[in-house]
């Protein structure tokens, strides 16, 4: 993240979309996809300069090679700026 403030996970919502399917991501186990943090010191927030990694959790999100995945990140209901789509191989 390149912003200047921490984003508390309690206010952040990350969703992925593939076709008509929507998947919820979380830092806790049990959701469709899992958020892993790297480089930060606060497990309760997404910190400036910290990278996050999204991986399949309980759902098979992208089974085809070259899957186009839409990414939505909101904080307190407001869209966080950034790329909204990525090609996954």
N, C-alpha and C. Protein backbone atom coordinates (compact mmCIF):
# COMPACT_ATOMS: atom_id res chain seq x y z
N UNK A 1 0.84 -1.16 0.00
CA UNK A 1 0.00 0.00 0.00
C UNK A 1 0.89 1.24 0.00
N UNK A 2 0.44 2.28 -0.70
CA UNK A 2 1.26 3.49 -0.79
C UNK A 2 0.67 4.67 -0.03
N UNK A 3 -0.47 4.51 0.61
CA UNK A 3 -1.08 5.61 1.36
C UNK A 3 -0.28 5.94 2.61
N UNK A 4 -0.73 6.96 3.36
CA UNK A 4 0.02 7.39 4.54
C UNK A 4 -0.57 6.88 5.85
N UNK A 5 -1.78 6.31 5.82
CA UNK A 5 -2.43 5.86 7.04
C UNK A 5 -2.64 4.35 7.03
N UNK A 6 -2.62 3.75 8.23
CA UNK A 6 -2.98 2.34 8.36
C UNK A 6 -4.45 2.16 8.02
N UNK A 7 -4.79 1.00 7.44
CA UNK A 7 -6.18 0.65 7.19
C UNK A 7 -6.52 -0.53 8.09
N UNK A 8 -7.35 -0.31 9.10
CA UNK A 8 -7.71 -1.37 10.04
C UNK A 8 -8.54 -2.43 9.33
N UNK A 9 -8.18 -3.71 9.52
CA UNK A 9 -8.89 -4.79 8.84
C UNK A 9 -10.37 -4.81 9.19
N UNK A 10 -10.75 -4.30 10.35
CA UNK A 10 -12.17 -4.29 10.72
C UNK A 10 -13.00 -3.38 9.81
N UNK A 11 -12.35 -2.46 9.09
CA UNK A 11 -13.05 -1.55 8.18
C UNK A 11 -12.77 -1.84 6.70
N UNK A 12 -11.82 -2.74 6.43
CA UNK A 12 -11.42 -3.04 5.05
C UNK A 12 -12.20 -4.24 4.53
N UNK A 13 -12.67 -4.12 3.29
CA UNK A 13 -13.35 -5.23 2.62
C UNK A 13 -12.64 -5.47 1.29
N UNK A 14 -12.16 -6.71 1.09
CA UNK A 14 -11.51 -7.09 -0.16
C UNK A 14 -12.37 -8.18 -0.80
N UNK A 15 -12.78 -7.94 -2.05
CA UNK A 15 -13.54 -8.95 -2.79
C UNK A 15 -12.89 -9.17 -4.14
N UNK A 16 -13.03 -10.39 -4.63
CA UNK A 16 -12.55 -10.76 -5.96
C UNK A 16 -13.76 -11.15 -6.79
N UNK A 17 -13.70 -10.86 -8.08
CA UNK A 17 -14.77 -11.29 -8.98
C UNK A 17 -14.17 -11.97 -10.20
N UNK A 18 -14.77 -13.10 -10.55
CA UNK A 18 -14.41 -13.86 -11.75
C UNK A 18 -15.72 -14.17 -12.44
N UNK A 19 -15.93 -13.56 -13.60
CA UNK A 19 -17.22 -13.71 -14.27
C UNK A 19 -18.32 -13.13 -13.39
N UNK A 20 -19.36 -13.92 -13.12
CA UNK A 20 -20.47 -13.48 -12.28
C UNK A 20 -20.28 -13.85 -10.81
N UNK A 21 -19.18 -14.46 -10.46
CA UNK A 21 -18.94 -14.93 -9.09
C UNK A 21 -18.16 -13.90 -8.29
N UNK A 22 -18.60 -13.66 -7.05
CA UNK A 22 -17.95 -12.73 -6.13
C UNK A 22 -17.41 -13.54 -4.95
N UNK A 23 -16.16 -13.26 -4.56
CA UNK A 23 -15.51 -13.98 -3.47
C UNK A 23 -15.02 -12.99 -2.42
N UNK A 24 -15.23 -13.33 -1.14
CA UNK A 24 -14.81 -12.49 -0.03
C UNK A 24 -13.46 -12.94 0.49
N UNK A 25 -12.57 -11.97 0.74
CA UNK A 25 -11.23 -12.26 1.26
C UNK A 25 -11.13 -11.76 2.70
N UNK A 26 -10.33 -12.46 3.50
CA UNK A 26 -10.19 -12.09 4.91
C UNK A 26 -8.81 -12.48 5.42
N UNK A 27 -8.38 -11.83 6.50
CA UNK A 27 -7.13 -12.18 7.14
C UNK A 27 -7.32 -13.39 8.06
N UNK A 28 -8.56 -13.78 8.31
CA UNK A 28 -8.85 -14.96 9.12
C UNK A 28 -9.23 -16.13 8.22
N UNK A 29 -8.99 -17.32 8.68
CA UNK A 29 -9.29 -18.52 7.90
C UNK A 29 -10.80 -18.71 7.78
N UNK A 30 -11.21 -19.38 6.68
CA UNK A 30 -12.61 -19.73 6.52
C UNK A 30 -13.34 -18.98 5.44
N UNK A 31 -12.76 -17.94 4.87
CA UNK A 31 -13.41 -17.21 3.78
C UNK A 31 -12.97 -17.77 2.44
N UNK A 32 -13.60 -17.25 1.38
CA UNK A 32 -13.32 -17.71 0.01
C UNK A 32 -11.85 -17.56 -0.34
N UNK A 33 -11.24 -16.45 0.08
CA UNK A 33 -9.81 -16.24 -0.17
C UNK A 33 -9.16 -15.68 1.08
N UNK A 34 -7.86 -15.89 1.17
CA UNK A 34 -7.10 -15.52 2.35
C UNK A 34 -6.15 -14.37 2.04
N UNK A 35 -6.08 -13.40 2.95
CA UNK A 35 -5.15 -12.27 2.85
C UNK A 35 -3.96 -12.56 3.75
N UNK A 36 -2.76 -12.56 3.17
CA UNK A 36 -1.52 -12.72 3.94
C UNK A 36 -0.77 -11.40 3.88
N UNK A 37 -0.26 -10.97 5.02
CA UNK A 37 0.47 -9.71 5.11
C UNK A 37 1.98 -9.96 5.07
N UNK A 38 2.71 -9.00 4.49
CA UNK A 38 4.17 -9.08 4.46
C UNK A 38 4.75 -7.69 4.72
N UNK A 39 5.74 -7.63 5.57
CA UNK A 39 6.53 -6.43 5.84
C UNK A 39 5.95 -5.51 6.90
N UNK A 40 4.78 -5.76 7.41
CA UNK A 40 4.21 -4.89 8.43
C UNK A 40 4.42 -5.45 9.83
N UNK A 41 4.18 -4.61 10.83
CA UNK A 41 4.34 -5.04 12.22
C UNK A 41 3.01 -5.13 12.96
N UNK A 42 1.91 -4.67 12.33
CA UNK A 42 0.59 -4.66 12.97
C UNK A 42 -0.33 -5.62 12.22
N UNK A 43 -0.63 -6.76 12.84
CA UNK A 43 -1.49 -7.76 12.20
C UNK A 43 -2.95 -7.31 12.10
N UNK A 44 -3.31 -6.22 12.78
CA UNK A 44 -4.69 -5.73 12.76
C UNK A 44 -4.94 -4.67 11.70
N UNK A 45 -3.92 -4.34 10.90
CA UNK A 45 -4.07 -3.28 9.91
C UNK A 45 -3.17 -3.52 8.71
N UNK A 46 -3.57 -2.92 7.60
CA UNK A 46 -2.76 -2.90 6.38
C UNK A 46 -1.98 -1.59 6.45
N UNK A 47 -0.68 -1.69 6.59
CA UNK A 47 0.15 -0.53 6.85
C UNK A 47 0.79 0.03 5.59
N UNK A 48 1.10 1.34 5.58
CA UNK A 48 1.80 1.93 4.43
C UNK A 48 3.10 1.17 4.16
N UNK A 49 3.35 0.88 2.89
CA UNK A 49 4.54 0.16 2.49
C UNK A 49 4.42 -1.35 2.60
N UNK A 50 3.32 -1.83 3.16
CA UNK A 50 3.13 -3.26 3.34
C UNK A 50 2.44 -3.87 2.12
N UNK A 51 2.91 -5.04 1.72
CA UNK A 51 2.29 -5.78 0.63
C UNK A 51 1.36 -6.83 1.21
N UNK A 52 0.28 -7.10 0.50
CA UNK A 52 -0.57 -8.21 0.88
C UNK A 52 -0.64 -9.19 -0.29
N UNK A 53 -0.88 -10.43 0.03
CA UNK A 53 -1.01 -11.49 -0.96
C UNK A 53 -2.37 -12.13 -0.80
N UNK A 54 -3.06 -12.36 -1.91
CA UNK A 54 -4.37 -13.00 -1.89
C UNK A 54 -4.22 -14.41 -2.44
N UNK A 55 -4.79 -15.37 -1.74
CA UNK A 55 -4.73 -16.77 -2.19
C UNK A 55 -6.08 -17.43 -1.97
N UNK A 56 -6.32 -18.49 -2.73
CA UNK A 56 -7.57 -19.21 -2.57
C UNK A 56 -7.67 -19.76 -1.16
N UNK A 57 -8.87 -19.62 -0.59
CA UNK A 57 -9.14 -20.16 0.73
C UNK A 57 -10.04 -21.37 0.58
N UNK A 58 -11.34 -21.19 0.87
CA UNK A 58 -12.29 -22.29 0.78
C UNK A 58 -12.87 -22.46 -0.61
N UNK A 59 -12.64 -21.52 -1.51
CA UNK A 59 -13.21 -21.58 -2.86
C UNK A 59 -12.12 -21.74 -3.91
N UNK A 60 -12.45 -22.46 -4.98
CA UNK A 60 -11.57 -22.52 -6.14
C UNK A 60 -11.96 -21.33 -7.02
N UNK A 61 -11.18 -20.28 -6.95
CA UNK A 61 -11.54 -19.01 -7.59
C UNK A 61 -11.16 -19.00 -9.06
N UNK A 62 -9.99 -19.49 -9.37
CA UNK A 62 -9.50 -19.41 -10.74
C UNK A 62 -8.89 -20.75 -11.14
N UNK A 63 -9.68 -21.56 -11.83
CA UNK A 63 -9.18 -22.88 -12.22
C UNK A 63 -8.59 -22.88 -13.63
N UNK A 64 -8.96 -21.90 -14.44
CA UNK A 64 -8.45 -21.83 -15.82
C UNK A 64 -7.17 -21.00 -15.86
N UNK A 65 -6.22 -21.42 -16.70
CA UNK A 65 -5.01 -20.63 -16.86
C UNK A 65 -5.36 -19.33 -17.57
N UNK A 66 -4.82 -18.22 -17.09
CA UNK A 66 -5.11 -16.93 -17.70
C UNK A 66 -6.44 -16.35 -17.26
N UNK A 67 -6.83 -16.59 -16.03
CA UNK A 67 -8.10 -16.13 -15.48
C UNK A 67 -8.03 -14.62 -15.18
N UNK A 68 -9.03 -13.86 -15.59
CA UNK A 68 -9.10 -12.42 -15.32
C UNK A 68 -9.86 -12.22 -14.01
N UNK A 69 -9.20 -11.64 -13.01
CA UNK A 69 -9.77 -11.48 -11.68
C UNK A 69 -9.96 -10.00 -11.39
N UNK A 70 -11.20 -9.61 -11.09
CA UNK A 70 -11.49 -8.25 -10.65
C UNK A 70 -11.22 -8.13 -9.17
N UNK A 71 -10.65 -7.01 -8.75
CA UNK A 71 -10.29 -6.81 -7.34
C UNK A 71 -10.95 -5.53 -6.84
N UNK A 72 -11.66 -5.64 -5.72
CA UNK A 72 -12.28 -4.47 -5.10
C UNK A 72 -11.78 -4.36 -3.67
N UNK A 73 -11.27 -3.17 -3.31
CA UNK A 73 -10.82 -2.91 -1.94
C UNK A 73 -11.53 -1.65 -1.47
N UNK A 74 -12.26 -1.78 -0.36
CA UNK A 74 -12.90 -0.61 0.23
C UNK A 74 -12.45 -0.47 1.68
N UNK A 75 -12.45 0.76 2.16
CA UNK A 75 -12.12 1.07 3.55
C UNK A 75 -13.23 1.96 4.08
N UNK A 76 -14.00 1.45 5.00
CA UNK A 76 -15.13 2.22 5.53
C UNK A 76 -16.15 2.54 4.45
N UNK A 77 -16.28 1.67 3.45
CA UNK A 77 -17.24 1.86 2.37
C UNK A 77 -16.74 2.69 1.21
N UNK A 78 -15.53 3.23 1.31
CA UNK A 78 -14.95 4.05 0.25
C UNK A 78 -13.91 3.24 -0.53
N UNK A 79 -13.95 3.33 -1.86
CA UNK A 79 -13.02 2.59 -2.70
C UNK A 79 -11.59 3.07 -2.50
N UNK A 80 -10.68 2.11 -2.32
CA UNK A 80 -9.26 2.41 -2.21
C UNK A 80 -8.68 2.40 -3.62
N UNK A 81 -7.94 3.44 -3.97
CA UNK A 81 -7.38 3.57 -5.32
C UNK A 81 -6.38 2.46 -5.61
N UNK A 82 -6.34 2.05 -6.88
CA UNK A 82 -5.39 1.04 -7.32
C UNK A 82 -5.93 0.27 -8.50
N UNK A 83 -5.16 -0.68 -9.00
CA UNK A 83 -5.59 -1.51 -10.12
C UNK A 83 -6.81 -2.32 -9.72
N UNK A 84 -7.81 -2.37 -10.60
CA UNK A 84 -9.04 -3.09 -10.27
C UNK A 84 -9.12 -4.45 -10.94
N UNK A 85 -8.11 -4.83 -11.70
CA UNK A 85 -8.15 -6.12 -12.39
C UNK A 85 -6.73 -6.62 -12.62
N UNK A 86 -6.57 -7.94 -12.50
CA UNK A 86 -5.27 -8.57 -12.73
C UNK A 86 -5.48 -9.88 -13.47
N UNK A 87 -4.54 -10.22 -14.33
CA UNK A 87 -4.54 -11.52 -15.00
C UNK A 87 -3.78 -12.49 -14.10
N UNK A 88 -4.38 -13.63 -13.82
CA UNK A 88 -3.77 -14.64 -12.96
C UNK A 88 -3.42 -15.85 -13.79
N UNK A 89 -2.18 -16.28 -13.73
CA UNK A 89 -1.74 -17.48 -14.44
C UNK A 89 -1.50 -18.61 -13.48
